[in-house]
Amino acid sequence: MRKINEAERSIVKTYRKELWSAFVKGICQFDMIQENDCIACCISGGKDSMLMAKLFQQLKRHGKFKFDVKYLVMDPGYNEANLEKIKENARKLEIPIEIHKTDIFQYVTTLDKNPCFICARMRRGHLYRIAKENGCNKIALGHHFDDAIETILMGMFYAGQYQTMMPKLHSDNYEGMELIRPMYLIREADIVRWCKYNELDFIRCACKFTHDDEEEHFSKRKEIKDLIHQLHQVNPYVEKNIYKSSMNVNVSQVISYFDDEGSYHFLDQYNKENEHE
């Protein structure tokens, strides 16, 4: 790989607009970080979370207010080769990681239904716990723009609902804790370009369910990725329009919706209007 200072420089120079500016814009637009926050930068070992760690290091150097970051690796049961790869990349990129071991992979491989969903839930729970034990009030995940728009379509096509991957959330189970996604406005293709430019190679999911390329080929998320790619050939603005749709919802033009306070149906208001005539 290129030298560490070249990898860091490429974030704020070569890919300034695509990575650095998008990172800062997302944090500011969604008010993700406040002064004196202690943030757990959650590193899985993949390209997204490793880049997020480098972006946080740059933000601490050049940011306008004081906050702290801890670089936490929650080991769900990586094999020796993958764990060593994470450690090697952290050394190369000068990321001071702390590794916390769990047995999540061992448990989910015994499940017949929804192993990936349960794995994600368990990993999230462990991250909150580890972050809180380390004095953090926020956890940062490396989900990017493409993850967000794919989630919108996956909900529509496979769950029959419209929902978004929110840029930040309050924890339901850990009081005072928040989840933030500071790479929310960064495109995956630009992350890949940065990796290739710096000759970096990172692990993938690393569990048995994604070791087989055929398994990955038939995943629901890849189906959505392929669909968006096909639509892009016809409409180059399709990704931006999917994203913008989550900010332009007119509730008077939907059949029904619900929130924490109750459910609403368009006929409720429709019939009331008819009574007044």
C-alpha atoms as a PDB file:
ATOM      1  CA  MET A   1       0.000   0.000   0.000  1.00  0.00           C
ATOM      2  CA  ARG A   2       0.995   3.641  -0.233  1.00  0.00           C
ATOM      3  CA  LYS A   3       2.529   5.266   2.829  1.00  0.00           C
ATOM      4  CA  ILE A   4       0.143   6.159   5.640  1.00  0.00           C
ATOM      5  CA  ASN A   5       0.592   9.906   5.122  1.00  0.00           C
ATOM      6  CA  GLU A   6      -0.364   9.492   1.456  1.00  0.00           C
ATOM      7  CA  ALA A   7      -3.491   7.528   2.421  1.00  0.00           C
ATOM      8  CA  GLU A   8      -4.462  10.283   4.855  1.00  0.00           C
ATOM      9  CA  ARG A   9      -3.649  13.057   2.380  1.00  0.00           C
ATOM     10  CA  SER A  10      -5.798  11.421  -0.308  1.00  0.00           C
ATOM     11  CA  ILE A  11      -8.841  11.742   1.982  1.00  0.00           C
ATOM     12  CA  VAL A  12      -8.572  15.531   2.184  1.00  0.00           C
ATOM     13  CA  LYS A  13      -6.936  16.153  -1.215  1.00  0.00           C
ATOM     14  CA  THR A  14      -7.572  13.574  -3.963  1.00  0.00           C
ATOM     15  CA  TYR A  15     -11.012  12.572  -2.634  1.00  0.00           C
ATOM     16  CA  ARG A  16     -11.831  15.738  -0.703  1.00  0.00           C
ATOM     17  CA  LYS A  17     -15.266  16.287  -2.278  1.00  0.00           C
ATOM     18  CA  GLU A  18     -16.286  12.628  -2.324  1.00  0.00           C
ATOM     19  CA  LEU A  19     -15.066  11.605   1.147  1.00  0.00           C
ATOM     20  CA  TRP A  20     -13.995  14.421   3.453  1.00  0.00           C
ATOM     21  CA  SER A  21     -16.613  17.007   2.435  1.00  0.00           C
ATOM     22  CA  ALA A  22     -19.404  14.416   2.369  1.00  0.00           C
ATOM     23  CA  PHE A  23     -18.370  13.183   5.828  1.00  0.00           C
ATOM     24  CA  VAL A  24     -18.370  16.677   7.339  1.00  0.00           C
ATOM     25  CA  LYS A  25     -21.609  17.610   5.566  1.00  0.00           C
ATOM     26  CA  GLY A  26     -23.416  14.538   6.920  1.00  0.00           C
ATOM     27  CA  ILE A  27     -22.254  15.230  10.469  1.00  0.00           C
ATOM     28  CA  CYS A  28     -23.338  18.886  10.270  1.00  0.00           C
ATOM     29  CA  GLN A  29     -26.590  18.316   8.388  1.00  0.00           C
ATOM     30  CA  PHE A  30     -27.831  15.728  10.873  1.00  0.00           C
ATOM     31  CA  ASP A  31     -26.208  17.279  13.966  1.00  0.00           C
ATOM     32  CA  MET A  32     -24.368  14.068  14.839  1.00  0.00           C
ATOM     33  CA  ILE A  33     -21.559  15.289  17.093  1.00  0.00           C
ATOM     34  CA  GLN A  34     -21.542  17.748  19.980  1.00  0.00           C
ATOM     35  CA  GLU A  35     -18.672  19.107  22.046  1.00  0.00           C
ATOM     36  CA  ASN A  36     -17.256  16.674  24.643  1.00  0.00           C
ATOM     37  CA  ASP A  37     -18.909  13.643  23.036  1.00  0.00           C
ATOM     38  CA  CYS A  38     -17.085  10.357  23.449  1.00  0.00           C
ATOM     39  CA  ILE A  39     -17.716   8.314  20.311  1.00  0.00           C
ATOM     40  CA  ALA A  40     -17.143   4.602  19.801  1.00  0.00           C
ATOM     41  CA  CYS A  41     -15.981   4.224  16.206  1.00  0.00           C
ATOM     42  CA  CYS A  42     -17.139   0.651  15.587  1.00  0.00           C
ATOM     43  CA  ILE A  43     -14.741  -1.181  13.290  1.00  0.00           C
ATOM     44  CA  SER A  44     -15.745  -4.437  11.637  1.00  0.00           C
ATOM     45  CA  GLY A  45     -12.541  -4.649   9.617  1.00  0.00           C
ATOM     46  CA  GLY A  46     -14.236  -3.893   6.296  1.00  0.00           C
ATOM     47  CA  LYS A  47     -13.485  -0.985   3.979  1.00  0.00           C
ATOM     48  CA  ASP A  48     -16.315   1.239   5.257  1.00  0.00           C
ATOM     49  CA  SER A  49     -15.510   1.171   8.967  1.00  0.00           C
ATOM     50  CA  MET A  50     -11.752   1.420   8.393  1.00  0.00           C
ATOM     51  CA  LEU A  51     -12.231   4.533   6.271  1.00  0.00           C
ATOM     52  CA  MET A  52     -14.614   5.923   8.913  1.00  0.00           C
ATOM     53  CA  ALA A  53     -11.832   5.564  11.483  1.00  0.00           C
ATOM     54  CA  LYS A  54      -9.442   7.558   9.297  1.00  0.00           C
ATOM     55  CA  LEU A  55     -12.103  10.224   8.733  1.00  0.00           C
ATOM     56  CA  PHE A  56     -12.606  10.538  12.485  1.00  0.00           C
ATOM     57  CA  GLN A  57      -8.864  10.943  12.975  1.00  0.00           C
ATOM     58  CA  GLN A  58      -8.880  13.797  10.461  1.00  0.00           C
ATOM     59  CA  LEU A  59     -11.899  15.390  12.122  1.00  0.00           C
ATOM     60  CA  LYS A  60     -10.201  15.331  15.520  1.00  0.00           C
ATOM     61  CA  ARG A  61      -7.151  17.051  14.030  1.00  0.00           C
ATOM     62  CA  HIS A  62      -9.066  19.698  12.109  1.00  0.00           C
ATOM     63  CA  GLY A  63     -12.410  19.929  13.935  1.00  0.00           C
ATOM     64  CA  LYS A  64     -13.670  23.119  15.544  1.00  0.00           C
ATOM     65  CA  PHE A  65     -14.523  21.629  18.946  1.00  0.00           C
ATOM     66  CA  LYS A  66     -13.257  18.980  21.337  1.00  0.00           C
ATOM     67  CA  PHE A  67     -14.565  15.404  21.329  1.00  0.00           C
ATOM     68  CA  ASP A  68     -13.049  11.984  21.904  1.00  0.00           C
ATOM     69  CA  VAL A  69     -13.067   8.822  19.789  1.00  0.00           C
ATOM     70  CA  LYS A  70     -12.364   5.222  20.772  1.00  0.00           C
ATOM     71  CA  TYR A  71     -11.718   2.720  18.000  1.00  0.00           C
ATOM     72  CA  LEU A  72     -13.460  -0.481  19.011  1.00  0.00           C
ATOM     73  CA  VAL A  73     -13.363  -3.821  17.197  1.00  0.00           C
ATOM     74  CA  MET A  74     -16.087  -6.182  18.348  1.00  0.00           C
ATOM     75  CA  ASP A  75     -14.799  -9.638  17.360  1.00  0.00           C
ATOM     76  CA  PRO A  76     -17.891 -11.832  16.773  1.00  0.00           C
ATOM     77  CA  GLY A  77     -15.691 -14.885  16.239  1.00  0.00           C
ATOM     78  CA  TYR A  78     -13.410 -14.114  13.302  1.00  0.00           C
ATOM     79  CA  ASN A  79     -11.067 -16.867  12.198  1.00  0.00           C
ATOM     80  CA  GLU A  80      -7.375 -16.282  12.845  1.00  0.00           C
ATOM     81  CA  ALA A  81      -6.635 -15.078   9.297  1.00  0.00           C
ATOM     82  CA  ASN A  82      -9.365 -12.438   9.292  1.00  0.00           C
ATOM     83  CA  LEU A  83      -8.513 -11.195  12.780  1.00  0.00           C
ATOM     84  CA  GLU A  84      -4.868 -10.869  11.800  1.00  0.00           C
ATOM     85  CA  LYS A  85      -5.906  -8.977   8.657  1.00  0.00           C
ATOM     86  CA  ILE A  86      -7.808  -6.472  10.795  1.00  0.00           C
ATOM     87  CA  LYS A  87      -4.814  -6.015  13.093  1.00  0.00           C
ATOM     88  CA  GLU A  88      -2.459  -5.649  10.118  1.00  0.00           C
ATOM     89  CA  ASN A  89      -4.607  -2.974   8.462  1.00  0.00           C
ATOM     90  CA  ALA A  90      -4.988  -1.119  11.754  1.00  0.00           C
ATOM     91  CA  ARG A  91      -1.190  -1.060  12.123  1.00  0.00           C
ATOM     92  CA  LYS A  92      -0.703   0.129   8.545  1.00  0.00           C
ATOM     93  CA  LEU A  93      -3.288   2.884   8.919  1.00  0.00           C
ATOM     94  CA  GLU A  94      -2.177   3.773  12.467  1.00  0.00           C
ATOM     95  CA  ILE A  95      -5.614   3.191  14.000  1.00  0.00           C
ATOM     96  CA  PRO A  96      -5.329   2.404  17.734  1.00  0.00           C
ATOM     97  CA  ILE A  97      -7.943  -0.342  17.923  1.00  0.00           C
ATOM     98  CA  GLU A  98      -9.220  -2.176  20.997  1.00  0.00           C
ATOM     99  CA  ILE A  99     -10.479  -5.713  20.316  1.00  0.00           C
ATOM    100  CA  HIS A 100     -13.360  -7.219  22.325  1.00  0.00           C
ATOM    101  CA  LYS A 101     -14.099 -10.896  21.696  1.00  0.00           C
ATOM    102  CA  THR A 102     -17.593 -12.474  21.627  1.00  0.00           C
ATOM    103  CA  ASP A 103     -19.024 -15.818  20.411  1.00  0.00           C
ATOM    104  CA  ILE A 104     -21.774 -14.438  18.161  1.00  0.00           C
ATOM    105  CA  PHE A 105     -20.723 -16.364  15.027  1.00  0.00           C
ATOM    106  CA  GLN A 106     -20.675 -19.611  16.989  1.00  0.00           C
ATOM    107  CA  TYR A 107     -24.261 -19.017  18.092  1.00  0.00           C
ATOM    108  CA  VAL A 108     -25.821 -17.797  14.819  1.00  0.00           C
ATOM    109  CA  THR A 109     -24.374 -20.663  12.788  1.00  0.00           C
ATOM    110  CA  THR A 110     -26.691 -22.972  14.737  1.00  0.00           C
ATOM    111  CA  LEU A 111     -29.787 -21.074  13.554  1.00  0.00           C
ATOM    112  CA  ASP A 112     -31.954 -22.142  10.648  1.00  0.00           C
ATOM    113  CA  LYS A 113     -33.858 -18.870  10.211  1.00  0.00           C
ATOM    114  CA  ASN A 114     -32.692 -15.257   9.846  1.00  0.00           C
ATOM    115  CA  PRO A 115     -29.075 -15.800  10.976  1.00  0.00           C
ATOM    116  CA  CYS A 116     -27.873 -12.536   9.384  1.00  0.00           C
ATOM    117  CA  PHE A 117     -30.664 -10.495  11.015  1.00  0.00           C
ATOM    118  CA  ILE A 118     -30.023 -12.033  14.438  1.00  0.00           C
ATOM    119  CA  CYS A 119     -26.267 -11.629  14.015  1.00  0.00           C
ATOM    120  CA  ALA A 120     -26.700  -7.921  13.261  1.00  0.00           C
ATOM    121  CA  ARG A 121     -28.977  -7.463  16.299  1.00  0.00           C
ATOM    122  CA  MET A 122     -26.556  -9.255  18.609  1.00  0.00           C
ATOM    123  CA  ARG A 123     -23.564  -7.343  17.276  1.00  0.00           C
ATOM    124  CA  ARG A 124     -25.386  -4.055  17.800  1.00  0.00           C
ATOM    125  CA  GLY A 125     -26.232  -4.995  21.378  1.00  0.00           C
ATOM    126  CA  HIS A 126     -22.633  -5.930  22.161  1.00  0.00           C
ATOM    127  CA  LEU A 127     -21.389  -2.684  20.603  1.00  0.00           C
ATOM    128  CA  TYR A 128     -23.668  -0.601  22.812  1.00  0.00           C
ATOM    129  CA  ARG A 129     -22.541  -2.498  25.898  1.00  0.00           C
ATOM    130  CA  ILE A 130     -18.839  -2.281  25.081  1.00  0.00           C
ATOM    131  CA  ALA A 131     -19.136   1.410  24.169  1.00  0.00           C
ATOM    132  CA  LYS A 132     -20.923   2.238  27.417  1.00  0.00           C
ATOM    133  CA  GLU A 133     -18.322   0.341  29.431  1.00  0.00           C
ATOM    134  CA  ASN A 134     -15.670   2.470  27.693  1.00  0.00           C
ATOM    135  CA  GLY A 135     -17.353   5.721  28.695  1.00  0.00           C
ATOM    136  CA  CYS A 136     -18.830   6.494  25.273  1.00  0.00           C
ATOM    137  CA  ASN A 137     -22.188   8.194  24.729  1.00  0.00           C
ATOM    138  CA  LYS A 138     -22.423   7.405  21.008  1.00  0.00           C
ATOM    139  CA  ILE A 139     -21.577   4.563  18.671  1.00  0.00           C
ATOM    140  CA  ALA A 140     -20.681   5.302  15.048  1.00  0.00           C
ATOM    141  CA  LEU A 141     -21.383   2.747  12.323  1.00  0.00           C
ATOM    142  CA  GLY A 142     -19.929   2.794   8.812  1.00  0.00           C
ATOM    143  CA  HIS A 143     -23.161   2.631   6.811  1.00  0.00           C
ATOM    144  CA  HIS A 144     -22.973   4.780   3.684  1.00  0.00           C
ATOM    145  CA  PHE A 145     -25.313   6.398   1.140  1.00  0.00           C
ATOM    146  CA  ASP A 146     -25.797   3.211  -0.871  1.00  0.00           C
ATOM    147  CA  ASP A 147     -26.704   1.242   2.263  1.00  0.00           C
ATOM    148  CA  ALA A 148     -29.367   3.855   3.006  1.00  0.00           C
ATOM    149  CA  ILE A 149     -31.074   3.817  -0.394  1.00  0.00           C
ATOM    150  CA  GLU A 150     -30.860   0.027  -0.673  1.00  0.00           C
ATOM    151  CA  THR A 151     -32.595  -0.244   2.696  1.00  0.00           C
ATOM    152  CA  ILE A 152     -35.488   1.890   1.419  1.00  0.00           C
ATOM    153  CA  LEU A 153     -36.073  -0.438  -1.544  1.00  0.00           C
ATOM    154  CA  MET A 154     -35.546  -3.618   0.480  1.00  0.00           C
ATOM    155  CA  GLY A 155     -38.253  -2.507   2.891  1.00  0.00           C
ATOM    156  CA  MET A 156     -40.646  -1.808   0.026  1.00  0.00           C
ATOM    157  CA  PHE A 157     -39.955  -4.971  -2.003  1.00  0.00           C
ATOM    158  CA  TYR A 158     -39.445  -7.557   0.732  1.00  0.00           C
ATOM    159  CA  ALA A 159     -41.215  -6.212   3.832  1.00  0.00           C
ATOM    160  CA  GLY A 160     -44.084  -4.223   2.300  1.00  0.00           C
ATOM    161  CA  GLN A 161     -43.194  -1.040   4.198  1.00  0.00           C
ATOM    162  CA  TYR A 162     -41.533   2.311   3.590  1.00  0.00           C
ATOM    163  CA  GLN A 163     -38.770   3.155   6.030  1.00  0.00           C
ATOM    164  CA  THR A 164     -35.294   4.596   5.937  1.00  0.00           C
ATOM    165  CA  MET A 165     -31.958   3.827   7.553  1.00  0.00           C
ATOM    166  CA  MET A 166     -31.901   6.833   9.879  1.00  0.00           C
ATOM    167  CA  PRO A 167     -28.699   8.924  10.142  1.00  0.00           C
ATOM    168  CA  LYS A 168     -28.938   8.815  13.938  1.00  0.00           C
ATOM    169  CA  LEU A 169     -31.040   7.059  16.572  1.00  0.00           C
ATOM    170  CA  HIS A 170     -31.552   6.998  20.331  1.00  0.00           C
ATOM    171  CA  SER A 171     -30.877   3.599  21.887  1.00  0.00           C
ATOM    172  CA  ASP A 172     -33.976   1.855  23.241  1.00  0.00           C
ATOM    173  CA  ASN A 173     -32.026  -0.255  25.739  1.00  0.00           C
ATOM    174  CA  TYR A 174     -29.066   1.902  26.758  1.00  0.00           C
ATOM    175  CA  GLU A 175     -30.151   5.179  28.293  1.00  0.00           C
ATOM    176  CA  GLY A 176     -28.241   8.211  27.069  1.00  0.00           C
ATOM    177  CA  MET A 177     -26.663   6.319  24.168  1.00  0.00           C
ATOM    178  CA  GLU A 178     -27.060   7.274  20.512  1.00  0.00           C
ATOM    179  CA  LEU A 179     -26.179   5.613  17.216  1.00  0.00           C
ATOM    180  CA  ILE A 180     -24.788   7.809  14.443  1.00  0.00           C
ATOM    181  CA  ARG A 181     -23.944   7.081  10.804  1.00  0.00           C
ATOM    182  CA  PRO A 182     -21.425   9.782   9.820  1.00  0.00           C
ATOM    183  CA  MET A 183     -20.767   8.259   6.359  1.00  0.00           C
ATOM    184  CA  TYR A 184     -24.436   8.681   5.423  1.00  0.00           C
ATOM    185  CA  LEU A 185     -23.682  10.910   2.405  1.00  0.00           C
ATOM    186  CA  ILE A 186     -20.637   9.002   1.106  1.00  0.00           C
ATOM    187  CA  ARG A 187     -21.025   6.825  -1.997  1.00  0.00           C
ATOM    188  CA  GLU A 188     -19.722   3.263  -1.864  1.00  0.00           C
ATOM    189  CA  ALA A 189     -17.987   3.623  -5.238  1.00  0.00           C
ATOM    190  CA  ASP A 190     -15.869   6.452  -3.815  1.00  0.00           C
ATOM    191  CA  ILE A 191     -14.871   4.287  -0.848  1.00  0.00           C
ATOM    192  CA  VAL A 192     -13.768   1.587  -3.285  1.00  0.00           C
ATOM    193  CA  ARG A 193     -11.777   4.148  -5.300  1.00  0.00           C
ATOM    194  CA  TRP A 194      -9.960   5.324  -2.165  1.00  0.00           C
ATOM    195  CA  CYS A 195      -9.084   1.728  -1.270  1.00  0.00           C
ATOM    196  CA  LYS A 196      -7.741   0.970  -4.745  1.00  0.00           C
ATOM    197  CA  TYR A 197      -5.837   4.259  -4.936  1.00  0.00           C
ATOM    198  CA  ASN A 198      -4.048   3.398  -1.687  1.00  0.00           C
ATOM    199  CA  GLU A 199      -3.675  -0.316  -2.490  1.00  0.00           C
ATOM    200  CA  LEU A 200      -5.696  -1.323   0.561  1.00  0.00           C
ATOM    201  CA  ASP A 201      -7.412  -4.675   1.001  1.00  0.00           C
ATOM    202  CA  PHE A 202      -9.964  -5.295   3.772  1.00  0.00           C
ATOM    203  CA  ILE A 203     -12.019  -8.255   4.980  1.00  0.00           C
ATOM    204  CA  ARG A 204     -15.656  -8.782   4.057  1.00  0.00           C
ATOM    205  CA  CYS A 205     -18.343 -10.050   6.439  1.00  0.00           C
ATOM    206  CA  ALA A 206     -16.168 -13.069   7.326  1.00  0.00           C
ATOM    207  CA  CYS A 207     -18.932 -15.376   8.577  1.00  0.00           C
ATOM    208  CA  LYS A 208     -19.744 -18.736   6.991  1.00  0.00           C
ATOM    209  CA  PHE A 209     -22.907 -17.402   5.346  1.00  0.00           C
ATOM    210  CA  THR A 210     -20.954 -15.094   3.033  1.00  0.00           C
ATOM    211  CA  HIS A 211     -17.833 -17.154   2.373  1.00  0.00           C
ATOM    212  CA  ASP A 212     -19.475 -18.678  -0.679  1.00  0.00           C
ATOM    213  CA  ASP A 213     -19.761 -16.314  -3.633  1.00  0.00           C
ATOM    214  CA  GLU A 214     -22.932 -18.106  -4.707  1.00  0.00           C
ATOM    215  CA  GLU A 215     -24.540 -17.314  -1.355  1.00  0.00           C
ATOM    216  CA  GLU A 216     -23.657 -13.652  -1.814  1.00  0.00           C
ATOM    217  CA  HIS A 217     -24.954 -13.709  -5.382  1.00  0.00           C
ATOM    218  CA  PHE A 218     -28.451 -14.599  -4.242  1.00  0.00           C
ATOM    219  CA  SER A 219     -28.615 -12.219  -1.302  1.00  0.00           C
ATOM    220  CA  LYS A 220     -31.505  -9.787  -1.237  1.00  0.00           C
ATOM    221  CA  ARG A 221     -29.213  -6.799  -0.874  1.00  0.00           C
ATOM    222  CA  LYS A 222     -27.256  -7.755  -3.974  1.00  0.00           C
ATOM    223  CA  GLU A 223     -30.516  -8.068  -5.919  1.00  0.00           C
ATOM    224  CA  ILE A 224     -31.324  -4.490  -4.919  1.00  0.00           C
ATOM    225  CA  LYS A 225     -27.799  -3.315  -5.793  1.00  0.00           C
ATOM    226  CA  ASP A 226     -28.126  -4.855  -9.238  1.00  0.00           C
ATOM    227  CA  LEU A 227     -31.586  -3.327  -9.741  1.00  0.00           C
ATOM    228  CA  ILE A 228     -30.377   0.169  -8.841  1.00  0.00           C
ATOM    229  CA  HIS A 229     -27.411  -0.285 -11.180  1.00  0.00           C
ATOM    230  CA  GLN A 230     -29.770  -1.231 -14.030  1.00  0.00           C
ATOM    231  CA  LEU A 231     -32.037   1.740 -13.338  1.00  0.00           C
ATOM    232  CA  HIS A 232     -29.009   4.041 -13.290  1.00  0.00           C
ATOM    233  CA  GLN A 233     -28.323   3.144 -16.918  1.00  0.00           C
ATOM    234  CA  VAL A 234     -31.691   4.674 -17.843  1.00  0.00           C
ATOM    235  CA  ASN A 235     -31.816   7.440 -15.229  1.00  0.00           C
ATOM    236  CA  PRO A 236     -28.464   8.618 -13.794  1.00  0.00           C
ATOM    237  CA  TYR A 237     -30.301  10.475 -11.011  1.00  0.00           C
ATOM    238  CA  VAL A 238     -32.105   7.403  -9.680  1.00  0.00           C
ATOM    239  CA  GLU A 239     -29.922   7.022  -6.557  1.00  0.00           C
ATOM    240  CA  LYS A 240     -30.360  10.670  -5.553  1.00  0.00           C
ATOM    241  CA  ASN A 241     -34.101  10.471  -6.208  1.00  0.00           C
ATOM    242  CA  ILE A 242     -34.508   7.390  -4.000  1.00  0.00           C
ATOM    243  CA  TYR A 243     -32.674   9.246  -1.241  1.00  0.00           C
ATOM    244  CA  LYS A 244     -34.692  12.455  -1.730  1.00  0.00           C
ATOM    245  CA  SER A 245     -37.942  10.476  -1.552  1.00  0.00           C
ATOM    246  CA  SER A 246     -37.249   9.846   2.140  1.00  0.00           C
ATOM    247  CA  MET A 247     -37.252  13.608   2.758  1.00  0.00           C
ATOM    248  CA  ASN A 248     -40.273  14.465   0.601  1.00  0.00           C
ATOM    249  CA  VAL A 249     -43.028  12.327   2.102  1.00  0.00           C
ATOM    250  CA  ASN A 250     -46.454  13.991   1.882  1.00  0.00           C
ATOM    251  CA  VAL A 251     -48.526  12.127   4.480  1.00  0.00           C
ATOM    252  CA  SER A 252     -51.747  13.483   2.985  1.00  0.00           C
ATOM    253  CA  GLN A 253     -50.941  11.453  -0.124  1.00  0.00           C
ATOM    254  CA  VAL A 254     -50.420   8.056   1.515  1.00  0.00           C
ATOM    255  CA  ILE A 255     -53.136   5.555   2.378  1.00  0.00           C
ATOM    256  CA  SER A 256     -52.010   4.973   5.946  1.00  0.00           C
ATOM    257  CA  TYR A 257     -49.089   5.513   8.271  1.00  0.00           C
ATOM    258  CA  PHE A 258     -48.218   5.078  11.933  1.00  0.00           C
ATOM    259  CA  ASP A 259     -45.959   6.553  14.576  1.00  0.00           C
ATOM    260  CA  ASP A 260     -45.331   6.064  18.292  1.00  0.00           C
ATOM    261  CA  GLU A 261     -48.671   7.657  19.121  1.00  0.00           C
ATOM    262  CA  GLY A 262     -50.939   5.656  16.861  1.00  0.00           C
ATOM    263  CA  SER A 263     -52.065   4.661  13.367  1.00  0.00           C
ATOM    264  CA  TYR A 264     -53.670   6.903  10.763  1.00  0.00           C
ATOM    265  CA  HIS A 265     -55.740   6.124   7.674  1.00  0.00           C
ATOM    266  CA  PHE A 266     -56.676   8.571   4.940  1.00  0.00           C
ATOM    267  CA  LEU A 267     -60.349   7.605   5.292  1.00  0.00           C
ATOM    268  CA  ASP A 268     -60.403   9.028   8.831  1.00  0.00           C
ATOM    269  CA  GLN A 269     -59.820  12.563   7.568  1.00  0.00           C
ATOM    270  CA  TYR A 270     -61.683  11.916   4.315  1.00  0.00           C
ATOM    271  CA  ASN A 271     -64.900  11.046   6.160  1.00  0.00           C
ATOM    272  CA  LYS A 272     -64.530  14.007   8.502  1.00  0.00           C
ATOM    273  CA  GLU A 273     -64.287  16.347   5.541  1.00  0.00           C
ATOM    274  CA  ASN A 274     -67.435  14.815   4.080  1.00  0.00           C
ATOM    275  CA  GLU A 275     -69.316  15.425   7.365  1.00  0.00           C
ATOM    276  CA  HIS A 276     -68.568  19.149   7.177  1.00  0.00           C
ATOM    277  CA  GLU A 277     -70.038  19.528   3.698  1.00  0.00           C
END
